[in-house]
Amino acid sequence: MNKIQLIHPAGKKAISMDKKKYDALKELLLYSLQNTDRACFKDLLAEIEKQLKQRKIKLEGKLEWNLFWVSLDLEARKEIARDKSVSPHLYSLYSH
């Protein structure tokens, strides 16, 4: 199994994840954010669950937990942004 080490935006210890799972979730998360201006985690999770079913992709483990870690990693890599000034936090594509 090919693993990727994730990074945390606050520099904390992060998990490693199966690369195929990471790549699938990253693609779906970025795709979902391209189709909306901003979205909360719950809405992103629902959209990604729908996309996984449509594309007939099965992933091991708890989707919510895995998506949370991928979102932290993408935030740390400055691919997505999280607005913490509102509750719930809103995610968007990172604008350079």
PDB file of N, CA and C in Angstrom:
ATOM      1  N   MET A   1       0.852  -1.186   0.000  1.00  0.00           N
ATOM      2  CA  MET A   1       0.000   0.000   0.000  1.00  0.00           C
ATOM      3  C   MET A   1       0.892   1.241   0.000  1.00  0.00           C
ATOM      4  N   ASN A   2       0.663   2.109  -0.954  1.00  0.00           N
ATOM      5  CA  ASN A   2       1.425   3.339  -1.099  1.00  0.00           C
ATOM      6  C   ASN A   2       0.798   4.418  -0.213  1.00  0.00           C
ATOM      7  N   LYS A   3       1.577   4.992   0.717  1.00  0.00           N
ATOM      8  CA  LYS A   3       1.046   5.977   1.664  1.00  0.00           C
ATOM      9  C   LYS A   3       1.634   7.356   1.384  1.00  0.00           C
ATOM     10  N   ILE A   4       0.884   8.376   1.781  1.00  0.00           N
ATOM     11  CA  ILE A   4       1.345   9.757   1.695  1.00  0.00           C
ATOM     12  C   ILE A   4       1.260  10.356   3.096  1.00  0.00           C
ATOM     13  N   GLN A   5       2.297  11.109   3.479  1.00  0.00           N
ATOM     14  CA  GLN A   5       2.304  11.782   4.773  1.00  0.00           C
ATOM     15  C   GLN A   5       1.598  13.121   4.622  1.00  0.00           C
ATOM     16  N   LEU A   6       0.520  13.312   5.368  1.00  0.00           N
ATOM     17  CA  LEU A   6      -0.206  14.568   5.329  1.00  0.00           C
ATOM     18  C   LEU A   6       0.473  15.585   6.235  1.00  0.00           C
ATOM     19  N   ILE A   7       0.177  16.855   6.007  1.00  0.00           N
ATOM     20  CA  ILE A   7       0.713  17.901   6.876  1.00  0.00           C
ATOM     21  C   ILE A   7      -0.448  18.671   7.495  1.00  0.00           C
ATOM     22  N   HIS A   8      -0.193  19.272   8.639  1.00  0.00           N
ATOM     23  CA  HIS A   8      -1.203  20.000   9.399  1.00  0.00           C
ATOM     24  C   HIS A   8      -0.905  21.496   9.273  1.00  0.00           C
ATOM     25  N   PRO A   9      -1.931  22.336   9.073  1.00  0.00           N
ATOM     26  CA  PRO A   9      -1.680  23.774   8.906  1.00  0.00           C
ATOM     27  C   PRO A   9      -1.025  24.436  10.117  1.00  0.00           C
ATOM     28  N   ALA A  10      -1.195  23.858  11.297  1.00  0.00           N
ATOM     29  CA  ALA A  10      -0.594  24.432  12.506  1.00  0.00           C
ATOM     30  C   ALA A  10       0.730  23.753  12.853  1.00  0.00           C
ATOM     31  N   GLY A  11       1.229  22.910  11.966  1.00  0.00           N
ATOM     32  CA  GLY A  11       2.503  22.241  12.199  1.00  0.00           C
ATOM     33  C   GLY A  11       2.421  21.059  13.148  1.00  0.00           C
ATOM     34  N   LYS A  12       1.211  20.666  13.541  1.00  0.00           N
ATOM     35  CA  LYS A  12       1.042  19.512  14.436  1.00  0.00           C
ATOM     36  C   LYS A  12       1.284  18.221  13.669  1.00  0.00           C
ATOM     37  N   LYS A  13       1.412  17.133  14.425  1.00  0.00           N
ATOM     38  CA  LYS A  13       1.612  15.825  13.796  1.00  0.00           C
ATOM     39  C   LYS A  13       0.360  15.430  13.025  1.00  0.00           C
ATOM     40  N   ALA A  14       0.576  14.969  11.802  1.00  0.00           N
ATOM     41  CA  ALA A  14      -0.546  14.566  10.956  1.00  0.00           C
ATOM     42  C   ALA A  14      -0.433  13.074  10.646  1.00  0.00           C
ATOM     43  N   ILE A  15      -1.492  12.526  10.100  1.00  0.00           N
ATOM     44  CA  ILE A  15      -1.532  11.103   9.780  1.00  0.00           C
ATOM     45  C   ILE A  15      -0.925  10.834   8.401  1.00  0.00           C
ATOM     46  N   SER A  16      -0.679   9.569   8.122  1.00  0.00           N
ATOM     47  CA  SER A  16      -0.373   9.166   6.749  1.00  0.00           C
ATOM     48  C   SER A  16      -1.600   8.420   6.240  1.00  0.00           C
ATOM     49  N   MET A  17      -1.811   8.497   4.925  1.00  0.00           N
ATOM     50  CA  MET A  17      -3.025   7.954   4.336  1.00  0.00           C
ATOM     51  C   MET A  17      -2.670   7.242   3.035  1.00  0.00           C
ATOM     52  N   ASP A  18      -3.466   6.247   2.687  1.00  0.00           N
ATOM     53  CA  ASP A  18      -3.310   5.572   1.409  1.00  0.00           C
ATOM     54  C   ASP A  18      -3.380   6.620   0.297  1.00  0.00           C
ATOM     55  N   LYS A  19      -2.407   6.601  -0.613  1.00  0.00           N
ATOM     56  CA  LYS A  19      -2.305   7.627  -1.654  1.00  0.00           C
ATOM     57  C   LYS A  19      -3.524   7.638  -2.570  1.00  0.00           C
ATOM     58  N   LYS A  20      -4.067   6.465  -2.921  1.00  0.00           N
ATOM     59  CA  LYS A  20      -5.247   6.424  -3.796  1.00  0.00           C
ATOM     60  C   LYS A  20      -6.446   7.083  -3.116  1.00  0.00           C
ATOM     61  N   LYS A  21      -6.618   6.835  -1.820  1.00  0.00           N
ATOM     62  CA  LYS A  21      -7.714   7.444  -1.063  1.00  0.00           C
ATOM     63  C   LYS A  21      -7.521   8.958  -1.005  1.00  0.00           C
ATOM     64  N   TYR A  22      -6.288   9.376  -0.703  1.00  0.00           N
ATOM     65  CA  TYR A  22      -5.979  10.800  -0.631  1.00  0.00           C
ATOM     66  C   TYR A  22      -6.271  11.481  -1.966  1.00  0.00           C
ATOM     67  N   ASP A  23      -5.773  10.895  -3.046  1.00  0.00           N
ATOM     68  CA  ASP A  23      -5.957  11.491  -4.371  1.00  0.00           C
ATOM     69  C   ASP A  23      -7.437  11.598  -4.739  1.00  0.00           C
ATOM     70  N   ALA A  24      -8.222  10.563  -4.432  1.00  0.00           N
ATOM     71  CA  ALA A  24      -9.659  10.580  -4.738  1.00  0.00           C
ATOM     72  C   ALA A  24     -10.360  11.679  -3.940  1.00  0.00           C
ATOM     73  N   LEU A  25     -10.077  11.774  -2.641  1.00  0.00           N
ATOM     74  CA  LEU A  25     -10.730  12.786  -1.810  1.00  0.00           C
ATOM     75  C   LEU A  25     -10.283  14.196  -2.185  1.00  0.00           C
ATOM     76  N   LYS A  26      -9.006  14.346  -2.496  1.00  0.00           N
ATOM     77  CA  LYS A  26      -8.493  15.659  -2.912  1.00  0.00           C
ATOM     78  C   LYS A  26      -9.199  16.107  -4.191  1.00  0.00           C
ATOM     79  N   GLU A  27      -9.281  15.227  -5.163  1.00  0.00           N
ATOM     80  CA  GLU A  27      -9.928  15.558  -6.435  1.00  0.00           C
ATOM     81  C   GLU A  27     -11.389  15.961  -6.217  1.00  0.00           C
ATOM     82  N   LEU A  28     -12.111  15.187  -5.411  1.00  0.00           N
ATOM     83  CA  LEU A  28     -13.524  15.473  -5.169  1.00  0.00           C
ATOM     84  C   LEU A  28     -13.724  16.752  -4.356  1.00  0.00           C
ATOM     85  N   LEU A  29     -12.849  17.005  -3.403  1.00  0.00           N
ATOM     86  CA  LEU A  29     -12.955  18.209  -2.592  1.00  0.00           C
ATOM     87  C   LEU A  29     -12.700  19.450  -3.451  1.00  0.00           C
ATOM     88  N   LEU A  30     -11.648  19.417  -4.247  1.00  0.00           N
ATOM     89  CA  LEU A  30     -11.350  20.560  -5.113  1.00  0.00           C
ATOM     90  C   LEU A  30     -12.455  20.750  -6.157  1.00  0.00           C
ATOM     91  N   TYR A  31     -12.959  19.649  -6.699  1.00  0.00           N
ATOM     92  CA  TYR A  31     -14.062  19.699  -7.670  1.00  0.00           C
ATOM     93  C   TYR A  31     -15.295  20.347  -7.033  1.00  0.00           C
ATOM     94  N   SER A  32     -15.615  19.943  -5.812  1.00  0.00           N
ATOM     95  CA  SER A  32     -16.783  20.487  -5.114  1.00  0.00           C
ATOM     96  C   SER A  32     -16.630  21.984  -4.867  1.00  0.00           C
ATOM     97  N   LEU A  33     -15.424  22.413  -4.504  1.00  0.00           N
ATOM     98  CA  LEU A  33     -15.194  23.829  -4.220  1.00  0.00           C
ATOM     99  C   LEU A  33     -15.153  24.671  -5.497  1.00  0.00           C
ATOM    100  N   GLN A  34     -14.834  24.047  -6.621  1.00  0.00           N
ATOM    101  CA  GLN A  34     -14.854  24.788  -7.893  1.00  0.00           C
ATOM    102  C   GLN A  34     -16.284  25.122  -8.290  1.00  0.00           C
ATOM    103  N   ASN A  35     -17.229  24.314  -7.829  1.00  0.00           N
ATOM    104  CA  ASN A  35     -18.627  24.495  -8.199  1.00  0.00           C
ATOM    105  C   ASN A  35     -19.420  25.337  -7.210  1.00  0.00           C
ATOM    106  N   THR A  36     -18.750  25.844  -6.191  1.00  0.00           N
ATOM    107  CA  THR A  36     -19.412  26.698  -5.208  1.00  0.00           C
ATOM    108  C   THR A  36     -18.411  27.743  -4.728  1.00  0.00           C
ATOM    109  N   ASP A  37     -18.915  28.860  -4.277  1.00  0.00           N
ATOM    110  CA  ASP A  37     -18.031  29.915  -3.796  1.00  0.00           C
ATOM    111  C   ASP A  37     -17.389  29.511  -2.471  1.00  0.00           C
ATOM    112  N   ARG A  38     -18.238  29.185  -1.514  1.00  0.00           N
ATOM    113  CA  ARG A  38     -17.790  28.745  -0.192  1.00  0.00           C
ATOM    114  C   ARG A  38     -18.771  27.711   0.322  1.00  0.00           C
ATOM    115  N   ALA A  39     -18.287  26.794   1.154  1.00  0.00           N
ATOM    116  CA  ALA A  39     -19.175  25.765   1.704  1.00  0.00           C
ATOM    117  C   ALA A  39     -18.674  25.328   3.070  1.00  0.00           C
ATOM    118  N   CYS A  40     -19.610  24.929   3.922  1.00  0.00           N
ATOM    119  CA  CYS A  40     -19.232  24.391   5.229  1.00  0.00           C
ATOM    120  C   CYS A  40     -18.859  22.913   5.053  1.00  0.00           C
ATOM    121  N   PHE A  41     -18.204  22.367   6.056  1.00  0.00           N
ATOM    122  CA  PHE A  41     -17.719  20.985   5.970  1.00  0.00           C
ATOM    123  C   PHE A  41     -18.870  20.007   5.753  1.00  0.00           C
ATOM    124  N   LYS A  42     -19.981  20.225   6.450  1.00  0.00           N
ATOM    125  CA  LYS A  42     -21.136  19.315   6.339  1.00  0.00           C
ATOM    126  C   LYS A  42     -21.648  19.252   4.895  1.00  0.00           C
ATOM    127  N   ASP A  43     -21.733  20.411   4.243  1.00  0.00           N
ATOM    128  CA  ASP A  43     -22.197  20.444   2.849  1.00  0.00           C
ATOM    129  C   ASP A  43     -21.185  19.785   1.913  1.00  0.00           C
ATOM    130  N   LEU A  44     -19.903  20.021   2.165  1.00  0.00           N
ATOM    131  CA  LEU A  44     -18.868  19.372   1.349  1.00  0.00           C
ATOM    132  C   LEU A  44     -18.919  17.860   1.512  1.00  0.00           C
ATOM    133  N   LEU A  45     -19.093  17.406   2.733  1.00  0.00           N
ATOM    134  CA  LEU A  45     -19.180  15.971   3.014  1.00  0.00           C
ATOM    135  C   LEU A  45     -20.354  15.355   2.252  1.00  0.00           C
ATOM    136  N   ALA A  46     -21.508  16.009   2.284  1.00  0.00           N
ATOM    137  CA  ALA A  46     -22.693  15.495   1.584  1.00  0.00           C
ATOM    138  C   ALA A  46     -22.448  15.439   0.074  1.00  0.00           C
ATOM    139  N   GLU A  47     -21.824  16.477  -0.477  1.00  0.00           N
ATOM    140  CA  GLU A  47     -21.545  16.513  -1.909  1.00  0.00           C
ATOM    141  C   GLU A  47     -20.551  15.419  -2.292  1.00  0.00           C
ATOM    142  N   ILE A  48     -19.545  15.213  -1.477  1.00  0.00           N
ATOM    143  CA  ILE A  48     -18.528  14.196  -1.778  1.00  0.00           C
ATOM    144  C   ILE A  48     -19.112  12.794  -1.648  1.00  0.00           C
ATOM    145  N   GLU A  49     -19.976  12.569  -0.664  1.00  0.00           N
ATOM    146  CA  GLU A  49     -20.665  11.272  -0.559  1.00  0.00           C
ATOM    147  C   GLU A  49     -21.457  10.997  -1.839  1.00  0.00           C
ATOM    148  N   LYS A  50     -22.153  12.023  -2.332  1.00  0.00           N
ATOM    149  CA  LYS A  50     -22.941  11.896  -3.552  1.00  0.00           C
ATOM    150  C   LYS A  50     -22.026  11.578  -4.751  1.00  0.00           C
ATOM    151  N   GLN A  51     -20.909  12.281  -4.861  1.00  0.00           N
ATOM    152  CA  GLN A  51     -19.964  12.060  -5.962  1.00  0.00           C
ATOM    153  C   GLN A  51     -19.362  10.652  -5.909  1.00  0.00           C
ATOM    154  N   LEU A  52     -19.043  10.181  -4.708  1.00  0.00           N
ATOM    155  CA  LEU A  52     -18.485   8.830  -4.564  1.00  0.00           C
ATOM    156  C   LEU A  52     -19.480   7.787  -5.067  1.00  0.00           C
ATOM    157  N   LYS A  53     -20.758   7.967  -4.718  1.00  0.00           N
ATOM    158  CA  LYS A  53     -21.791   7.025  -5.170  1.00  0.00           C
ATOM    159  C   LYS A  53     -21.954   7.078  -6.679  1.00  0.00           C
ATOM    160  N   GLN A  54     -22.011   8.302  -7.229  1.00  0.00           N
ATOM    161  CA  GLN A  54     -22.176   8.458  -8.680  1.00  0.00           C
ATOM    162  C   GLN A  54     -21.015   7.831  -9.448  1.00  0.00           C
ATOM    163  N   ARG A  55     -19.810   8.004  -8.929  1.00  0.00           N
ATOM    164  CA  ARG A  55     -18.616   7.492  -9.613  1.00  0.00           C
ATOM    165  C   ARG A  55     -18.291   6.053  -9.230  1.00  0.00           C
ATOM    166  N   LYS A  56     -19.130   5.496  -8.343  1.00  0.00           N
ATOM    167  CA  LYS A  56     -18.947   4.112  -7.873  1.00  0.00           C
ATOM    168  C   LYS A  56     -17.550   3.887  -7.286  1.00  0.00           C
ATOM    169  N   ILE A  57     -17.132   4.834  -6.433  1.00  0.00           N
ATOM    170  CA  ILE A  57     -15.838   4.744  -5.745  1.00  0.00           C
ATOM    171  C   ILE A  57     -16.102   4.336  -4.303  1.00  0.00           C
ATOM    172  N   LYS A  58     -15.440   3.281  -3.843  1.00  0.00           N
ATOM    173  CA  LYS A  58     -15.556   2.846  -2.453  1.00  0.00           C
ATOM    174  C   LYS A  58     -14.229   3.134  -1.745  1.00  0.00           C
ATOM    175  N   LEU A  59     -14.323   3.748  -0.575  1.00  0.00           N
ATOM    176  CA  LEU A  59     -13.139   4.064   0.213  1.00  0.00           C
ATOM    177  C   LEU A  59     -13.244   3.393   1.573  1.00  0.00           C
ATOM    178  N   GLU A  60     -12.129   2.869   2.046  1.00  0.00           N
ATOM    179  CA  GLU A  60     -12.085   2.256   3.372  1.00  0.00           C
ATOM    180  C   GLU A  60     -12.070   3.341   4.441  1.00  0.00           C
ATOM    181  N   GLY A  61     -12.636   3.033   5.591  1.00  0.00           N
ATOM    182  CA  GLY A  61     -12.580   3.934   6.736  1.00  0.00           C
ATOM    183  C   GLY A  61     -13.736   4.930   6.750  1.00  0.00           C
ATOM    184  N   LYS A  62     -13.755   5.742   7.803  1.00  0.00           N
ATOM    185  CA  LYS A  62     -14.831   6.719   7.990  1.00  0.00           C
ATOM    186  C   LYS A  62     -14.572   7.931   7.092  1.00  0.00           C
ATOM    187  N   LEU A  63     -15.491   8.178   6.175  1.00  0.00           N
ATOM    188  CA  LEU A  63     -15.330   9.253   5.194  1.00  0.00           C
ATOM    189  C   LEU A  63     -15.127  10.612   5.861  1.00  0.00           C
ATOM    190  N   GLU A  64     -15.933  10.918   6.876  1.00  0.00           N
ATOM    191  CA  GLU A  64     -15.849  12.221   7.535  1.00  0.00           C
ATOM    192  C   GLU A  64     -14.439  12.475   8.089  1.00  0.00           C
ATOM    193  N   TRP A  65     -13.877  11.482   8.752  1.00  0.00           N
ATOM    194  CA  TRP A  65     -12.543  11.598   9.343  1.00  0.00           C
ATOM    195  C   TRP A  65     -11.481  11.767   8.260  1.00  0.00           C
ATOM    196  N   ASN A  66     -11.547  10.953   7.215  1.00  0.00           N
ATOM    197  CA  ASN A  66     -10.564  11.036   6.132  1.00  0.00           C
ATOM    198  C   ASN A  66     -10.656  12.368   5.399  1.00  0.00           C
ATOM    199  N   LEU A  67     -11.871  12.835   5.138  1.00  0.00           N
ATOM    200  CA  LEU A  67     -12.055  14.118   4.461  1.00  0.00           C
ATOM    201  C   LEU A  67     -11.536  15.263   5.324  1.00  0.00           C
ATOM    202  N   PHE A  68     -11.747  15.179   6.632  1.00  0.00           N
ATOM    203  CA  PHE A  68     -11.241  16.198   7.547  1.00  0.00           C
ATOM    204  C   PHE A  68      -9.720  16.312   7.417  1.00  0.00           C
ATOM    205  N   TRP A  69      -9.017  15.179   7.397  1.00  0.00           N
ATOM    206  CA  TRP A  69      -7.563  15.206   7.295  1.00  0.00           C
ATOM    207  C   TRP A  69      -7.092  15.712   5.940  1.00  0.00           C
ATOM    208  N   VAL A  70      -7.781  15.332   4.875  1.00  0.00           N
ATOM    209  CA  VAL A  70      -7.416  15.830   3.543  1.00  0.00           C
ATOM    210  C   VAL A  70      -7.631  17.346   3.491  1.00  0.00           C
ATOM    211  N   SER A  71      -8.708  17.834   4.101  1.00  0.00           N
ATOM    212  CA  SER A  71      -8.957  19.282   4.096  1.00  0.00           C
ATOM    213  C   SER A  71      -7.875  20.025   4.875  1.00  0.00           C
ATOM    214  N   LEU A  72      -7.422  19.475   5.996  1.00  0.00           N
ATOM    215  CA  LEU A  72      -6.326  20.098   6.747  1.00  0.00           C
ATOM    216  C   LEU A  72      -5.046  20.131   5.907  1.00  0.00           C
ATOM    217  N   ASP A  73      -4.763  19.030   5.238  1.00  0.00           N
ATOM    218  CA  ASP A  73      -3.564  18.942   4.405  1.00  0.00           C
ATOM    219  C   ASP A  73      -3.616  19.971   3.268  1.00  0.00           C
ATOM    220  N   LEU A  74      -4.752  20.069   2.605  1.00  0.00           N
ATOM    221  CA  LEU A  74      -4.882  21.020   1.499  1.00  0.00           C
ATOM    222  C   LEU A  74      -4.833  22.463   1.996  1.00  0.00           C
ATOM    223  N   GLU A  75      -5.324  22.688   3.206  1.00  0.00           N
ATOM    224  CA  GLU A  75      -5.211  24.018   3.804  1.00  0.00           C
ATOM    225  C   GLU A  75      -3.736  24.344   4.073  1.00  0.00           C
ATOM    226  N   ALA A  76      -3.007  23.381   4.600  1.00  0.00           N
ATOM    227  CA  ALA A  76      -1.586  23.583   4.881  1.00  0.00           C
ATOM    228  C   ALA A  76      -0.787  23.818   3.598  1.00  0.00           C
ATOM    229  N   ARG A  77      -1.202  23.195   2.506  1.00  0.00           N
ATOM    230  CA  ARG A  77      -0.517  23.344   1.209  1.00  0.00           C
ATOM    231  C   ARG A  77      -1.040  24.552   0.420  1.00  0.00           C
ATOM    232  N   LYS A  78      -1.927  25.315   1.047  1.00  0.00           N
ATOM    233  CA  LYS A  78      -2.503  26.520   0.448  1.00  0.00           C
ATOM    234  C   LYS A  78      -3.232  26.242  -0.870  1.00  0.00           C
ATOM    235  N   GLU A  79      -3.963  25.118  -0.897  1.00  0.00           N
ATOM    236  CA  GLU A  79      -4.822  24.816  -2.044  1.00  0.00           C
ATOM    237  C   GLU A  79      -6.269  25.179  -1.731  1.00  0.00           C
ATOM    238  N   ILE A  80      -6.630  25.115  -0.442  1.00  0.00           N
ATOM    239  CA  ILE A  80      -7.947  25.573  -0.015  1.00  0.00           C
ATOM    240  C   ILE A  80      -7.759  26.492   1.190  1.00  0.00           C
ATOM    241  N   ALA A  81      -8.778  27.301   1.457  1.00  0.00           N
ATOM    242  CA  ALA A  81      -8.756  28.211   2.605  1.00  0.00           C
ATOM    243  C   ALA A  81      -9.944  27.893   3.502  1.00  0.00           C
ATOM    244  N   ARG A  82      -9.753  28.129   4.798  1.00  0.00           N
ATOM    245  CA  ARG A  82     -10.844  27.915   5.758  1.00  0.00           C
ATOM    246  C   ARG A  82     -11.066  29.213   6.510  1.00  0.00           C
ATOM    247  N   ASP A  83     -12.283  29.722   6.434  1.00  0.00           N
ATOM    248  CA  ASP A  83     -12.646  30.952   7.136  1.00  0.00           C
ATOM    249  C   ASP A  83     -13.121  30.573   8.533  1.00  0.00           C
ATOM    250  N   LYS A  84     -12.270  30.855   9.525  1.00  0.00           N
ATOM    251  CA  LYS A  84     -12.574  30.485  10.906  1.00  0.00           C
ATOM    252  C   LYS A  84     -13.337  31.592  11.637  1.00  0.00           C
ATOM    253  N   SER A  85     -13.594  32.717  10.956  1.00  0.00           N
ATOM    254  CA  SER A  85     -14.286  33.834  11.611  1.00  0.00           C
ATOM    255  C   SER A  85     -15.792  33.620  11.674  1.00  0.00           C
ATOM    256  N   VAL A  86     -16.280  32.588  11.000  1.00  0.00           N
ATOM    257  CA  VAL A  86     -17.707  32.265  11.023  1.00  0.00           C
ATOM    258  C   VAL A  86     -17.890  30.842  11.533  1.00  0.00           C
ATOM    259  N   SER A  87     -19.092  30.565  12.017  1.00  0.00           N
ATOM    260  CA  SER A  87     -19.395  29.216  12.473  1.00  0.00           C
ATOM    261  C   SER A  87     -20.666  28.754  11.782  1.00  0.00           C
ATOM    262  N   PRO A  88     -20.660  27.616  11.116  1.00  0.00           N
ATOM    263  CA  PRO A  88     -19.497  26.742  10.930  1.00  0.00           C
ATOM    264  C   PRO A  88     -18.466  27.367   9.984  1.00  0.00           C
ATOM    265  N   HIS A  89     -17.226  26.878  10.097  1.00  0.00           N
ATOM    266  CA  HIS A  89     -16.157  27.362   9.230  1.00  0.00           C
ATOM    267  C   HIS A  89     -16.545  27.154   7.773  1.00  0.00           C
ATOM    268  N   LEU A  90     -16.134  28.078   6.917  1.00  0.00           N
ATOM    269  CA  LEU A  90     -16.422  27.967   5.491  1.00  0.00           C
ATOM    270  C   LEU A  90     -15.138  27.718   4.721  1.00  0.00           C
ATOM    271  N   TYR A  91     -15.203  26.788   3.784  1.00  0.00           N
ATOM    272  CA  TYR A  91     -14.056  26.416   2.953  1.00  0.00           C
ATOM    273  C   TYR A  91     -14.220  26.996   1.559  1.00  0.00           C
ATOM    274  N   SER A  92     -13.105  27.366   0.953  1.00  0.00           N
ATOM    275  CA  SER A  92     -13.111  27.864  -0.422  1.00  0.00           C
ATOM    276  C   SER A  92     -11.762  27.515  -1.040  1.00  0.00           C
ATOM    277  N   LEU A  93     -11.686  27.672  -2.357  1.00  0.00           N
ATOM    278  CA  LEU A  93     -10.390  27.501  -3.011  1.00  0.00           C
ATOM    279  C   LEU A  93      -9.484  28.633  -2.586  1.00  0.00           C
ATOM    280  N   TYR A  94      -8.211  28.356  -2.426  1.00  0.00           N
ATOM    281  CA  TYR A  94      -7.246  29.366  -2.003  1.00  0.00           C
ATOM    282  C   TYR A  94      -7.032  30.335  -3.158  1.00  0.00           C
ATOM    283  N   SER A  95      -7.143  31.606  -2.890  1.00  0.00           N
ATOM    284  CA  SER A  95      -6.872  32.601  -3.944  1.00  0.00           C
ATOM    285  C   SER A  95      -5.500  33.218  -3.674  1.00  0.00           C
ATOM    286  N   HIS A  96      -4.624  33.058  -4.615  1.00  0.00           N
ATOM    287  CA  HIS A  96      -3.220  33.477  -4.447  1.00  0.00           C
ATOM    288  C   HIS A  96      -3.076  34.973  -4.493  1.00  0.00           C
TER     289      HIS A  96
END
